Amino acid sequence: MFVEVQKTIELTNVASNYDTACKIRAYIAAVEASITKETLDDQTVQWIDWAKKKADCYDPTVARNDEYFGKREHKKSENEKALKKSGYRW
């Protein structure tokens, strides 16, 4: 029974990551749809590329390595894989 519970938890964690990737991609699509020739600039193009890479990191079907955070451990809980600020700030 423990194995079944663990597998189910892992499945919901992976599905949550997939859902996040889909939301990011939907947001990117909305941003792209709102861009005109006049508002398209290098900064926007770079942001879109960056955001698509982040979506690929969250998506367990792609599982892209993030250049800063490495490979996302999709089966872990949200608390275990939550991004945390580190270091001191004066």
N, C-alpha and C. Protein backbone atom coordinates (compact mmCIF):
# COMPACT_ATOMS: atom_id res chain seq x y z
N MET A 1 0.83 -1.20 0.00
CA MET A 1 0.00 0.00 0.00
C MET A 1 0.87 1.27 0.00
N PHE A 2 1.99 1.24 0.76
CA PHE A 2 2.87 2.40 0.81
C PHE A 2 3.38 2.76 -0.58
N VAL A 3 3.76 1.77 -1.35
CA VAL A 3 4.28 2.00 -2.70
C VAL A 3 3.22 2.67 -3.57
N GLU A 4 1.98 2.22 -3.45
CA GLU A 4 0.89 2.81 -4.24
C GLU A 4 0.67 4.27 -3.85
N VAL A 5 0.72 4.55 -2.56
CA VAL A 5 0.56 5.93 -2.09
C VAL A 5 1.70 6.80 -2.63
N GLN A 6 2.93 6.31 -2.52
CA GLN A 6 4.09 7.08 -3.00
C GLN A 6 4.00 7.33 -4.50
N LYS A 7 3.64 6.34 -5.28
CA LYS A 7 3.52 6.49 -6.72
C LYS A 7 2.43 7.51 -7.07
N THR A 8 1.34 7.50 -6.32
CA THR A 8 0.25 8.44 -6.57
C THR A 8 0.68 9.87 -6.24
N ILE A 9 1.39 10.03 -5.15
CA ILE A 9 1.91 11.35 -4.77
C ILE A 9 2.85 11.86 -5.85
N GLU A 10 3.75 11.01 -6.30
CA GLU A 10 4.70 11.39 -7.35
C GLU A 10 3.97 11.77 -8.64
N LEU A 11 2.94 11.03 -8.97
CA LEU A 11 2.16 11.32 -10.17
C LEU A 11 1.52 12.71 -10.08
N THR A 12 0.93 13.02 -8.93
CA THR A 12 0.31 14.34 -8.78
C THR A 12 1.35 15.45 -8.80
N ASN A 13 2.55 15.18 -8.27
CA ASN A 13 3.61 16.18 -8.33
C ASN A 13 4.06 16.44 -9.76
N VAL A 14 4.22 15.37 -10.55
CA VAL A 14 4.61 15.51 -11.95
C VAL A 14 3.51 16.25 -12.72
N ALA A 15 2.26 15.90 -12.45
CA ALA A 15 1.14 16.56 -13.14
C ALA A 15 1.08 18.04 -12.80
N SER A 16 1.42 18.38 -11.56
CA SER A 16 1.45 19.79 -11.15
C SER A 16 2.51 20.56 -11.93
N ASN A 17 3.67 19.95 -12.12
CA ASN A 17 4.72 20.58 -12.92
C ASN A 17 4.27 20.78 -14.36
N TYR A 18 3.61 19.77 -14.91
CA TYR A 18 3.10 19.87 -16.28
C TYR A 18 2.08 21.00 -16.39
N ASP A 19 1.22 21.11 -15.39
CA ASP A 19 0.22 22.18 -15.36
C ASP A 19 0.89 23.55 -15.32
N THR A 20 1.94 23.68 -14.53
CA THR A 20 2.67 24.94 -14.46
C THR A 20 3.28 25.28 -15.82
N ALA A 21 3.88 24.28 -16.48
CA ALA A 21 4.47 24.51 -17.81
C ALA A 21 3.40 24.97 -18.80
N CYS A 22 2.23 24.36 -18.74
CA CYS A 22 1.13 24.76 -19.64
C CYS A 22 0.68 26.18 -19.36
N LYS A 23 0.61 26.56 -18.11
CA LYS A 23 0.22 27.93 -17.75
C LYS A 23 1.26 28.93 -18.24
N ILE A 24 2.53 28.60 -18.07
CA ILE A 24 3.60 29.49 -18.54
C ILE A 24 3.49 29.65 -20.06
N ARG A 25 3.29 28.55 -20.76
CA ARG A 25 3.19 28.61 -22.22
C ARG A 25 1.96 29.41 -22.68
N ALA A 26 0.86 29.28 -21.95
CA ALA A 26 -0.35 30.06 -22.28
C ALA A 26 -0.08 31.55 -22.07
N TYR A 27 0.64 31.87 -21.02
CA TYR A 27 0.98 33.27 -20.77
C TYR A 27 1.90 33.81 -21.86
N ILE A 28 2.89 33.01 -22.24
CA ILE A 28 3.80 33.42 -23.32
C ILE A 28 3.01 33.66 -24.60
N ALA A 29 2.08 32.78 -24.90
CA ALA A 29 1.25 32.94 -26.11
C ALA A 29 0.45 34.24 -26.05
N ALA A 30 -0.07 34.57 -24.88
CA ALA A 30 -0.83 35.82 -24.73
C ALA A 30 0.08 37.03 -24.92
N VAL A 31 1.28 36.95 -24.38
CA VAL A 31 2.25 38.05 -24.58
C VAL A 31 2.59 38.18 -26.05
N GLU A 32 2.88 37.05 -26.70
CA GLU A 32 3.21 37.08 -28.12
C GLU A 32 2.06 37.64 -28.95
N ALA A 33 0.84 37.32 -28.60
CA ALA A 33 -0.32 37.81 -29.35
C ALA A 33 -0.51 39.32 -29.19
N SER A 34 -0.01 39.86 -28.09
CA SER A 34 -0.19 41.29 -27.84
C SER A 34 0.93 42.15 -28.42
N ILE A 35 1.94 41.49 -28.95
CA ILE A 35 3.10 42.22 -29.48
C ILE A 35 2.80 42.73 -30.89
N THR A 36 3.16 43.96 -31.11
CA THR A 36 3.05 44.54 -32.45
C THR A 36 4.46 44.81 -32.97
N LYS A 37 4.56 45.17 -34.21
CA LYS A 37 5.88 45.50 -34.79
C LYS A 37 6.54 46.64 -34.02
N GLU A 38 5.70 47.55 -33.53
CA GLU A 38 6.22 48.71 -32.82
C GLU A 38 6.71 48.35 -31.42
N THR A 39 6.13 47.33 -30.80
CA THR A 39 6.51 46.98 -29.42
C THR A 39 7.52 45.84 -29.35
N LEU A 40 7.80 45.21 -30.48
CA LEU A 40 8.76 44.11 -30.48
C LEU A 40 10.18 44.67 -30.42
N ASP A 41 10.90 44.28 -29.38
CA ASP A 41 12.29 44.71 -29.24
C ASP A 41 13.13 43.52 -28.77
N ASP A 42 14.43 43.74 -28.71
CA ASP A 42 15.35 42.66 -28.32
C ASP A 42 15.05 42.14 -26.91
N GLN A 43 14.71 43.03 -26.02
CA GLN A 43 14.42 42.63 -24.64
C GLN A 43 13.21 41.69 -24.59
N THR A 44 12.19 41.97 -25.35
CA THR A 44 11.00 41.12 -25.39
C THR A 44 11.32 39.77 -26.02
N VAL A 45 12.08 39.77 -27.10
CA VAL A 45 12.48 38.52 -27.75
C VAL A 45 13.28 37.66 -26.78
N GLN A 46 14.22 38.28 -26.06
CA GLN A 46 15.02 37.54 -25.08
C GLN A 46 14.15 37.00 -23.95
N TRP A 47 13.18 37.78 -23.48
CA TRP A 47 12.30 37.33 -22.40
C TRP A 47 11.48 36.12 -22.86
N ILE A 48 10.95 36.18 -24.08
CA ILE A 48 10.15 35.06 -24.60
C ILE A 48 11.00 33.79 -24.68
N ASP A 49 12.21 33.91 -25.17
CA ASP A 49 13.12 32.75 -25.24
C ASP A 49 13.40 32.20 -23.84
N TRP A 50 13.69 33.08 -22.89
CA TRP A 50 13.94 32.69 -21.50
C TRP A 50 12.72 31.99 -20.91
N ALA A 51 11.55 32.57 -21.10
CA ALA A 51 10.32 32.01 -20.53
C ALA A 51 10.01 30.63 -21.12
N LYS A 52 10.24 30.46 -22.41
CA LYS A 52 10.01 29.16 -23.05
C LYS A 52 10.96 28.10 -22.47
N LYS A 53 12.20 28.48 -22.20
CA LYS A 53 13.14 27.56 -21.59
C LYS A 53 12.69 27.17 -20.18
N LYS A 54 12.17 28.13 -19.43
CA LYS A 54 11.67 27.83 -18.08
C LYS A 54 10.48 26.87 -18.15
N ALA A 55 9.60 27.07 -19.12
CA ALA A 55 8.46 26.16 -19.30
C ALA A 55 8.96 24.75 -19.59
N ASP A 56 9.99 24.65 -20.41
CA ASP A 56 10.55 23.34 -20.73
C ASP A 56 11.18 22.68 -19.51
N CYS A 57 11.68 23.46 -18.58
CA CYS A 57 12.23 22.90 -17.33
C CYS A 57 11.12 22.34 -16.45
N TYR A 58 10.00 23.03 -16.41
CA TYR A 58 8.87 22.57 -15.60
C TYR A 58 8.16 21.38 -16.22
N ASP A 59 8.19 21.28 -17.53
CA ASP A 59 7.46 20.23 -18.24
C ASP A 59 8.20 18.89 -18.13
N PRO A 60 7.61 17.92 -17.44
CA PRO A 60 8.29 16.63 -17.28
C PRO A 60 8.44 15.85 -18.58
N THR A 61 7.66 16.19 -19.60
CA THR A 61 7.80 15.50 -20.89
C THR A 61 8.99 16.01 -21.68
N VAL A 62 9.48 17.20 -21.31
CA VAL A 62 10.67 17.78 -21.95
C VAL A 62 11.86 17.65 -21.01
N ALA A 63 11.65 18.05 -19.74
CA ALA A 63 12.66 17.93 -18.67
C ALA A 63 14.00 18.57 -19.04
N ARG A 64 13.93 19.78 -19.55
CA ARG A 64 15.14 20.52 -19.91
C ARG A 64 15.92 20.89 -18.65
N ASN A 65 17.23 20.80 -18.73
CA ASN A 65 18.08 21.26 -17.63
C ASN A 65 18.08 22.78 -17.62
N ASP A 66 17.92 23.35 -16.45
CA ASP A 66 17.98 24.79 -16.29
C ASP A 66 19.44 25.17 -16.07
N GLU A 67 19.87 26.24 -16.71
CA GLU A 67 21.28 26.63 -16.59
C GLU A 67 21.65 27.06 -15.17
N TYR A 68 20.70 27.46 -14.37
CA TYR A 68 20.97 27.89 -13.00
C TYR A 68 20.56 26.85 -11.96
N PHE A 69 19.45 26.17 -12.20
CA PHE A 69 18.87 25.28 -11.19
C PHE A 69 19.07 23.80 -11.49
N GLY A 70 19.60 23.48 -12.65
CA GLY A 70 19.82 22.08 -13.00
C GLY A 70 18.53 21.39 -13.41
N LYS A 71 18.52 20.08 -13.28
CA LYS A 71 17.35 19.28 -13.67
C LYS A 71 16.32 19.30 -12.54
N ARG A 72 15.09 19.61 -12.89
CA ARG A 72 14.00 19.65 -11.91
C ARG A 72 13.62 18.23 -11.53
N GLU A 73 13.45 18.00 -10.25
CA GLU A 73 13.07 16.68 -9.74
C GLU A 73 11.54 16.65 -9.64
N HIS A 74 10.91 16.28 -10.76
CA HIS A 74 9.46 16.40 -10.92
C HIS A 74 8.65 15.61 -9.90
N LYS A 75 9.18 14.50 -9.42
CA LYS A 75 8.41 13.64 -8.52
C LYS A 75 8.37 14.16 -7.08
N LYS A 76 9.24 15.10 -6.75
CA LYS A 76 9.27 15.65 -5.39
C LYS A 76 8.09 16.59 -5.17
N SER A 77 7.78 16.81 -3.91
CA SER A 77 6.67 17.72 -3.58
C SER A 77 7.07 19.15 -3.90
N GLU A 78 6.08 20.02 -3.96
CA GLU A 78 6.34 21.43 -4.25
C GLU A 78 7.27 22.04 -3.20
N ASN A 79 7.09 21.67 -1.93
CA ASN A 79 7.95 22.19 -0.87
C ASN A 79 9.40 21.75 -1.06
N GLU A 80 9.60 20.52 -1.48
CA GLU A 80 10.95 19.99 -1.66
C GLU A 80 11.69 20.63 -2.83
N LYS A 81 10.95 21.07 -3.84
CA LYS A 81 11.60 21.63 -5.02
C LYS A 81 11.34 23.13 -5.18
N ALA A 82 10.80 23.75 -4.15
CA ALA A 82 10.53 25.19 -4.21
C ALA A 82 11.83 25.97 -4.33
N LEU A 83 11.79 27.01 -5.15
CA LEU A 83 12.95 27.87 -5.28
C LEU A 83 13.08 28.70 -4.01
N LYS A 84 14.31 28.82 -3.54
CA LYS A 84 14.55 29.56 -2.32
C LYS A 84 15.66 30.57 -2.57
N LYS A 85 15.46 31.76 -2.05
CA LYS A 85 16.53 32.77 -2.14
C LYS A 85 17.61 32.37 -1.16
N SER A 86 18.84 32.57 -1.54
CA SER A 86 19.94 32.25 -0.64
C SER A 86 20.90 33.42 -0.56
N GLY A 87 21.71 33.40 0.45
CA GLY A 87 22.70 34.46 0.63
C GLY A 87 22.18 35.55 1.52
N TYR A 88 23.08 36.41 1.86
CA TYR A 88 22.74 37.52 2.74
C TYR A 88 22.70 38.79 1.95
N ARG A 89 21.87 39.67 2.39
CA ARG A 89 21.75 40.96 1.72
C ARG A 89 21.80 42.04 2.78
N TRP A 90 22.72 42.97 2.62
CA TRP A 90 22.88 44.04 3.60
C TRP A 90 22.23 45.29 3.14
